[in-house]
Amino acid sequence: MTRLLRANQAAQKIDVTVDRLYDYSRQGIVPVVKIGRQCRWSEDALDDFISNGGQSFPGGWKKDN
């Protein structure tokens, strides 16, 4: 089961500030899971992001309209 991280935990994992994490998430650079108005970050997805050299995933994590 994937563990969901809060902003401070996710920011620490990728060594950025919380503000930068939210900015990257809004841009689709860092994968984010939205639960209502709350944001959480999948530990597995962040590990994949790090493994890929910090590159965003093809197509991003945005919902296609």
PDB file of N, CA and C in Angstrom:
ATOM      1  N   MET A   1       0.841  -1.179   0.000  1.00  0.00           N
ATOM      2  CA  MET A   1       0.000   0.000   0.000  1.00  0.00           C
ATOM      3  C   MET A   1       0.887   1.244   0.000  1.00  0.00           C
ATOM      4  N   THR A   2       0.513   2.184  -0.822  1.00  0.00           N
ATOM      5  CA  THR A   2       1.264   3.425  -0.944  1.00  0.00           C
ATOM      6  C   THR A   2       0.988   4.333   0.246  1.00  0.00           C
ATOM      7  N   ARG A   3       2.041   4.893   0.779  1.00  0.00           N
ATOM      8  CA  ARG A   3       1.920   5.837   1.888  1.00  0.00           C
ATOM      9  C   ARG A   3       1.813   7.242   1.320  1.00  0.00           C
ATOM     10  N   LEU A   4       0.852   8.019   1.793  1.00  0.00           N
ATOM     11  CA  LEU A   4       0.699   9.404   1.358  1.00  0.00           C
ATOM     12  C   LEU A   4       1.366  10.313   2.381  1.00  0.00           C
ATOM     13  N   LEU A   5       2.159  11.252   1.870  1.00  0.00           N
ATOM     14  CA  LEU A   5       2.922  12.159   2.723  1.00  0.00           C
ATOM     15  C   LEU A   5       2.277  13.535   2.771  1.00  0.00           C
ATOM     16  N   ARG A   6       2.429  14.194   3.902  1.00  0.00           N
ATOM     17  CA  ARG A   6       2.002  15.585   4.034  1.00  0.00           C
ATOM     18  C   ARG A   6       3.074  16.464   3.398  1.00  0.00           C
ATOM     19  N   ALA A   7       2.746  17.734   3.208  1.00  0.00           N
ATOM     20  CA  ALA A   7       3.636  18.660   2.496  1.00  0.00           C
ATOM     21  C   ALA A   7       5.039  18.711   3.102  1.00  0.00           C
ATOM     22  N   ASN A   8       5.122  18.828   4.425  1.00  0.00           N
ATOM     23  CA  ASN A   8       6.448  18.942   5.038  1.00  0.00           C
ATOM     24  C   ASN A   8       7.270  17.665   4.853  1.00  0.00           C
ATOM     25  N   GLN A   9       6.623  16.511   4.886  1.00  0.00           N
ATOM     26  CA  GLN A   9       7.328  15.244   4.694  1.00  0.00           C
ATOM     27  C   GLN A   9       7.795  15.096   3.249  1.00  0.00           C
ATOM     28  N   ALA A  10       6.921  15.436   2.290  1.00  0.00           N
ATOM     29  CA  ALA A  10       7.259  15.321   0.870  1.00  0.00           C
ATOM     30  C   ALA A  10       8.363  16.309   0.497  1.00  0.00           C
ATOM     31  N   ALA A  11       8.274  17.528   1.012  1.00  0.00           N
ATOM     32  CA  ALA A  11       9.293  18.541   0.723  1.00  0.00           C
ATOM     33  C   ALA A  11      10.654  18.095   1.250  1.00  0.00           C
ATOM     34  N   GLN A  12      10.655  17.529   2.444  1.00  0.00           N
ATOM     35  CA  GLN A  12      11.907  17.043   3.027  1.00  0.00           C
ATOM     36  C   GLN A  12      12.481  15.904   2.184  1.00  0.00           C
ATOM     37  N   LYS A  13      11.620  15.038   1.681  1.00  0.00           N
ATOM     38  CA  LYS A  13      12.063  13.884   0.893  1.00  0.00           C
ATOM     39  C   LYS A  13      12.791  14.314  -0.381  1.00  0.00           C
ATOM     40  N   ILE A  14      12.291  15.393  -1.037  1.00  0.00           N
ATOM     41  CA  ILE A  14      12.956  15.840  -2.266  1.00  0.00           C
ATOM     42  C   ILE A  14      13.826  17.081  -2.024  1.00  0.00           C
ATOM     43  N   ASP A  15      14.007  17.442  -0.759  1.00  0.00           N
ATOM     44  CA  ASP A  15      14.923  18.502  -0.333  1.00  0.00           C
ATOM     45  C   ASP A  15      14.604  19.861  -0.955  1.00  0.00           C
ATOM     46  N   VAL A  16      13.339  20.259  -0.836  1.00  0.00           N
ATOM     47  CA  VAL A  16      12.913  21.596  -1.252  1.00  0.00           C
ATOM     48  C   VAL A  16      12.037  22.180  -0.146  1.00  0.00           C
ATOM     49  N   THR A  17      11.750  23.470  -0.253  1.00  0.00           N
ATOM     50  CA  THR A  17      10.841  24.087   0.717  1.00  0.00           C
ATOM     51  C   THR A  17       9.406  23.656   0.402  1.00  0.00           C
ATOM     52  N   VAL A  18       8.538  23.822   1.365  1.00  0.00           N
ATOM     53  CA  VAL A  18       7.128  23.478   1.177  1.00  0.00           C
ATOM     54  C   VAL A  18       6.527  24.359   0.074  1.00  0.00           C
ATOM     55  N   ASP A  19       6.876  25.642   0.058  1.00  0.00           N
ATOM     56  CA  ASP A  19       6.373  26.534  -0.991  1.00  0.00           C
ATOM     57  C   ASP A  19       6.809  26.056  -2.372  1.00  0.00           C
ATOM     58  N   ARG A  20       8.052  25.630  -2.504  1.00  0.00           N
ATOM     59  CA  ARG A  20       8.554  25.140  -3.791  1.00  0.00           C
ATOM     60  C   ARG A  20       7.832  23.846  -4.181  1.00  0.00           C
ATOM     61  N   LEU A  21       7.561  22.974  -3.210  1.00  0.00           N
ATOM     62  CA  LEU A  21       6.828  21.736  -3.471  1.00  0.00           C
ATOM     63  C   LEU A  21       5.449  22.041  -4.054  1.00  0.00           C
ATOM     64  N   TYR A  22       4.713  22.979  -3.435  1.00  0.00           N
ATOM     65  CA  TYR A  22       3.394  23.346  -3.947  1.00  0.00           C
ATOM     66  C   TYR A  22       3.506  23.945  -5.347  1.00  0.00           C
ATOM     67  N   ASP A  23       4.517  24.774  -5.569  1.00  0.00           N
ATOM     68  CA  ASP A  23       4.722  25.377  -6.887  1.00  0.00           C
ATOM     69  C   ASP A  23       4.979  24.302  -7.942  1.00  0.00           C
ATOM     70  N   TYR A  24       5.873  23.369  -7.644  1.00  0.00           N
ATOM     71  CA  TYR A  24       6.165  22.275  -8.570  1.00  0.00           C
ATOM     72  C   TYR A  24       4.927  21.412  -8.814  1.00  0.00           C
ATOM     73  N   SER A  25       4.137  21.203  -7.782  1.00  0.00           N
ATOM     74  CA  SER A  25       2.923  20.393  -7.913  1.00  0.00           C
ATOM     75  C   SER A  25       1.906  21.084  -8.818  1.00  0.00           C
ATOM     76  N   ARG A  26       1.731  22.400  -8.646  1.00  0.00           N
ATOM     77  CA  ARG A  26       0.809  23.159  -9.501  1.00  0.00           C
ATOM     78  C   ARG A  26       1.241  23.110 -10.963  1.00  0.00           C
ATOM     79  N   GLN A  27       2.557  23.100 -11.202  1.00  0.00           N
ATOM     80  CA  GLN A  27       3.090  23.064 -12.567  1.00  0.00           C
ATOM     81  C   GLN A  27       3.057  21.658 -13.169  1.00  0.00           C
ATOM     82  N   GLY A  28       2.738  20.657 -12.358  1.00  0.00           N
ATOM     83  CA  GLY A  28       2.707  19.280 -12.842  1.00  0.00           C
ATOM     84  C   GLY A  28       4.079  18.629 -12.881  1.00  0.00           C
ATOM     85  N   ILE A  29       5.058  19.240 -12.236  1.00  0.00           N
ATOM     86  CA  ILE A  29       6.413  18.689 -12.215  1.00  0.00           C
ATOM     87  C   ILE A  29       6.518  17.558 -11.197  1.00  0.00           C
ATOM     88  N   VAL A  30       5.914  17.758 -10.045  1.00  0.00           N
ATOM     89  CA  VAL A  30       5.914  16.754  -8.975  1.00  0.00           C
ATOM     90  C   VAL A  30       4.502  16.180  -8.876  1.00  0.00           C
ATOM     91  N   PRO A  31       4.371  14.845  -8.865  1.00  0.00           N
ATOM     92  CA  PRO A  31       3.048  14.231  -8.779  1.00  0.00           C
ATOM     93  C   PRO A  31       2.370  14.519  -7.438  1.00  0.00           C
ATOM     94  N   VAL A  32       1.095  14.867  -7.492  1.00  0.00           N
ATOM     95  CA  VAL A  32       0.334  15.201  -6.290  1.00  0.00           C
ATOM     96  C   VAL A  32      -1.003  14.471  -6.323  1.00  0.00           C
ATOM     97  N   VAL A  33      -1.499  14.121  -5.125  1.00  0.00           N
ATOM     98  CA  VAL A  33      -2.811  13.497  -4.981  1.00  0.00           C
ATOM     99  C   VAL A  33      -3.685  14.500  -4.245  1.00  0.00           C
ATOM    100  N   LYS A  34      -4.812  14.860  -4.839  1.00  0.00           N
ATOM    101  CA  LYS A  34      -5.718  15.813  -4.196  1.00  0.00           C
ATOM    102  C   LYS A  34      -6.859  15.049  -3.543  1.00  0.00           C
ATOM    103  N   ILE A  35      -7.087  15.360  -2.285  1.00  0.00           N
ATOM    104  CA  ILE A  35      -8.176  14.775  -1.511  1.00  0.00           C
ATOM    105  C   ILE A  35      -9.014  15.955  -1.031  1.00  0.00           C
ATOM    106  N   GLY A  36     -10.042  16.244  -1.781  1.00  0.00           N
ATOM    107  CA  GLY A  36     -10.812  17.455  -1.490  1.00  0.00           C
ATOM    108  C   GLY A  36      -9.925  18.663  -1.723  1.00  0.00           C
ATOM    109  N   ARG A  37      -9.767  19.492  -0.707  1.00  0.00           N
ATOM    110  CA  ARG A  37      -8.901  20.670  -0.812  1.00  0.00           C
ATOM    111  C   ARG A  37      -7.489  20.376  -0.334  1.00  0.00           C
ATOM    112  N   GLN A  38      -7.273  19.188   0.184  1.00  0.00           N
ATOM    113  CA  GLN A  38      -5.957  18.822   0.712  1.00  0.00           C
ATOM    114  C   GLN A  38      -5.094  18.194  -0.367  1.00  0.00           C
ATOM    115  N   CYS A  39      -3.804  18.388  -0.257  1.00  0.00           N
ATOM    116  CA  CYS A  39      -2.835  17.769  -1.165  1.00  0.00           C
ATOM    117  C   CYS A  39      -1.991  16.786  -0.368  1.00  0.00           C
ATOM    118  N   ARG A  40      -1.740  15.649  -0.980  1.00  0.00           N
ATOM    119  CA  ARG A  40      -0.842  14.649  -0.409  1.00  0.00           C
ATOM    120  C   ARG A  40       0.063  14.162  -1.534  1.00  0.00           C
ATOM    121  N   TRP A  41       1.208  13.632  -1.166  1.00  0.00           N
ATOM    122  CA  TRP A  41       2.175  13.154  -2.145  1.00  0.00           C
ATOM    123  C   TRP A  41       2.473  11.696  -1.870  1.00  0.00           C
ATOM    124  N   SER A  42       2.346  10.877  -2.914  1.00  0.00           N
ATOM    125  CA  SER A  42       2.587   9.451  -2.810  1.00  0.00           C
ATOM    126  C   SER A  42       4.084   9.211  -2.648  1.00  0.00           C
ATOM    127  N   GLU A  43       4.442   8.484  -1.625  1.00  0.00           N
ATOM    128  CA  GLU A  43       5.853   8.181  -1.393  1.00  0.00           C
ATOM    129  C   GLU A  43       6.431   7.384  -2.565  1.00  0.00           C
ATOM    130  N   ASP A  44       5.660   6.430  -3.092  1.00  0.00           N
ATOM    131  CA  ASP A  44       6.120   5.637  -4.240  1.00  0.00           C
ATOM    132  C   ASP A  44       6.314   6.511  -5.473  1.00  0.00           C
ATOM    133  N   ALA A  45       5.377   7.430  -5.732  1.00  0.00           N
ATOM    134  CA  ALA A  45       5.490   8.314  -6.900  1.00  0.00           C
ATOM    135  C   ALA A  45       6.687   9.249  -6.749  1.00  0.00           C
ATOM    136  N   LEU A  46       6.944   9.724  -5.527  1.00  0.00           N
ATOM    137  CA  LEU A  46       8.113  10.570  -5.309  1.00  0.00           C
ATOM    138  C   LEU A  46       9.400   9.773  -5.500  1.00  0.00           C
ATOM    139  N   ASP A  47       9.401   8.517  -5.066  1.00  0.00           N
ATOM    140  CA  ASP A  47      10.576   7.663  -5.285  1.00  0.00           C
ATOM    141  C   ASP A  47      10.823   7.477  -6.783  1.00  0.00           C
ATOM    142  N   ASP A  48       9.746   7.269  -7.564  1.00  0.00           N
ATOM    143  CA  ASP A  48       9.869   7.150  -9.021  1.00  0.00           C
ATOM    144  C   ASP A  48      10.383   8.455  -9.619  1.00  0.00           C
ATOM    145  N   PHE A  49       9.854   9.580  -9.138  1.00  0.00           N
ATOM    146  CA  PHE A  49      10.277  10.897  -9.596  1.00  0.00           C
ATOM    147  C   PHE A  49      11.780  11.073  -9.365  1.00  0.00           C
ATOM    148  N   ILE A  50      12.246  10.693  -8.193  1.00  0.00           N
ATOM    149  CA  ILE A  50      13.670  10.799  -7.862  1.00  0.00           C
ATOM    150  C   ILE A  50      14.486   9.851  -8.739  1.00  0.00           C
ATOM    151  N   SER A  51      14.002   8.630  -8.915  1.00  0.00           N
ATOM    152  CA  SER A  51      14.696   7.631  -9.740  1.00  0.00           C
ATOM    153  C   SER A  51      14.833   8.080 -11.189  1.00  0.00           C
ATOM    154  N   ASN A  52      13.861   8.856 -11.672  1.00  0.00           N
ATOM    155  CA  ASN A  52      13.886   9.366 -13.042  1.00  0.00           C
ATOM    156  C   ASN A  52      14.704  10.654 -13.152  1.00  0.00           C
ATOM    157  N   GLY A  53      15.457  10.959 -12.131  1.00  0.00           N
ATOM    158  CA  GLY A  53      16.307  12.146 -12.175  1.00  0.00           C
ATOM    159  C   GLY A  53      15.561  13.439 -11.955  1.00  0.00           C
ATOM    160  N   GLY A  54      14.381  13.356 -11.347  1.00  0.00           N
ATOM    161  CA  GLY A  54      13.611  14.554 -11.062  1.00  0.00           C
ATOM    162  C   GLY A  54      12.853  15.082 -12.266  1.00  0.00           C
ATOM    163  N   GLN A  55      12.740  14.283 -13.302  1.00  0.00           N
ATOM    164  CA  GLN A  55      12.017  14.702 -14.498  1.00  0.00           C
ATOM    165  C   GLN A  55      10.534  14.398 -14.318  1.00  0.00           C
ATOM    166  N   SER A  56       9.722  15.297 -14.841  1.00  0.00           N
ATOM    167  CA  SER A  56       8.282  15.037 -14.773  1.00  0.00           C
ATOM    168  C   SER A  56       7.943  13.873 -15.688  1.00  0.00           C
ATOM    169  N   PHE A  57       6.852  13.216 -15.408  1.00  0.00           N
ATOM    170  CA  PHE A  57       6.437  12.042 -16.165  1.00  0.00           C
ATOM    171  C   PHE A  57       5.790  12.460 -17.475  1.00  0.00           C
ATOM    172  N   PRO A  58       5.876  11.634 -18.519  1.00  0.00           N
ATOM    173  CA  PRO A  58       5.238  11.963 -19.787  1.00  0.00           C
ATOM    174  C   PRO A  58       3.744  12.225 -19.589  1.00  0.00           C
ATOM    175  N   GLY A  59       3.271  13.339 -20.108  1.00  0.00           N
ATOM    176  CA  GLY A  59       1.858  13.674 -19.966  1.00  0.00           C
ATOM    177  C   GLY A  59       1.528  14.293 -18.624  1.00  0.00           C
ATOM    178  N   GLY A  60       2.473  14.320 -17.707  1.00  0.00           N
ATOM    179  CA  GLY A  60       2.240  14.901 -16.393  1.00  0.00           C
ATOM    180  C   GLY A  60       1.231  14.116 -15.589  1.00  0.00           C
ATOM    181  N   TRP A  61       0.813  14.684 -14.497  1.00  0.00           N
ATOM    182  CA  TRP A  61      -0.141  14.030 -13.612  1.00  0.00           C
ATOM    183  C   TRP A  61      -1.467  14.780 -13.609  1.00  0.00           C
ATOM    184  N   LYS A  62      -1.659  15.601 -14.640  1.00  0.00           N
ATOM    185  CA  LYS A  62      -2.893  16.361 -14.712  1.00  0.00           C
ATOM    186  C   LYS A  62      -3.966  15.550 -15.389  1.00  0.00           C
ATOM    187  N   LYS A  63      -5.184  15.765 -14.982  1.00  0.00           N
ATOM    188  CA  LYS A  63      -6.319  15.070 -15.575  1.00  0.00           C
ATOM    189  C   LYS A  63      -6.571  15.638 -16.968  1.00  0.00           C
ATOM    190  N   ASP A  64      -6.698  14.764 -17.956  1.00  0.00           N
ATOM    191  CA  ASP A  64      -7.023  15.210 -19.308  1.00  0.00           C
ATOM    192  C   ASP A  64      -8.486  15.584 -19.373  1.00  0.00           C
ATOM    193  N   ASN A  65      -8.776  16.717 -19.986  1.00  0.00           N
ATOM    194  CA  ASN A  65     -10.176  17.176 -20.090  1.00  0.00           C
ATOM    195  C   ASN A  65     -10.834  16.631 -21.313  1.00  0.00           C
TER     196      ASN A  65
END
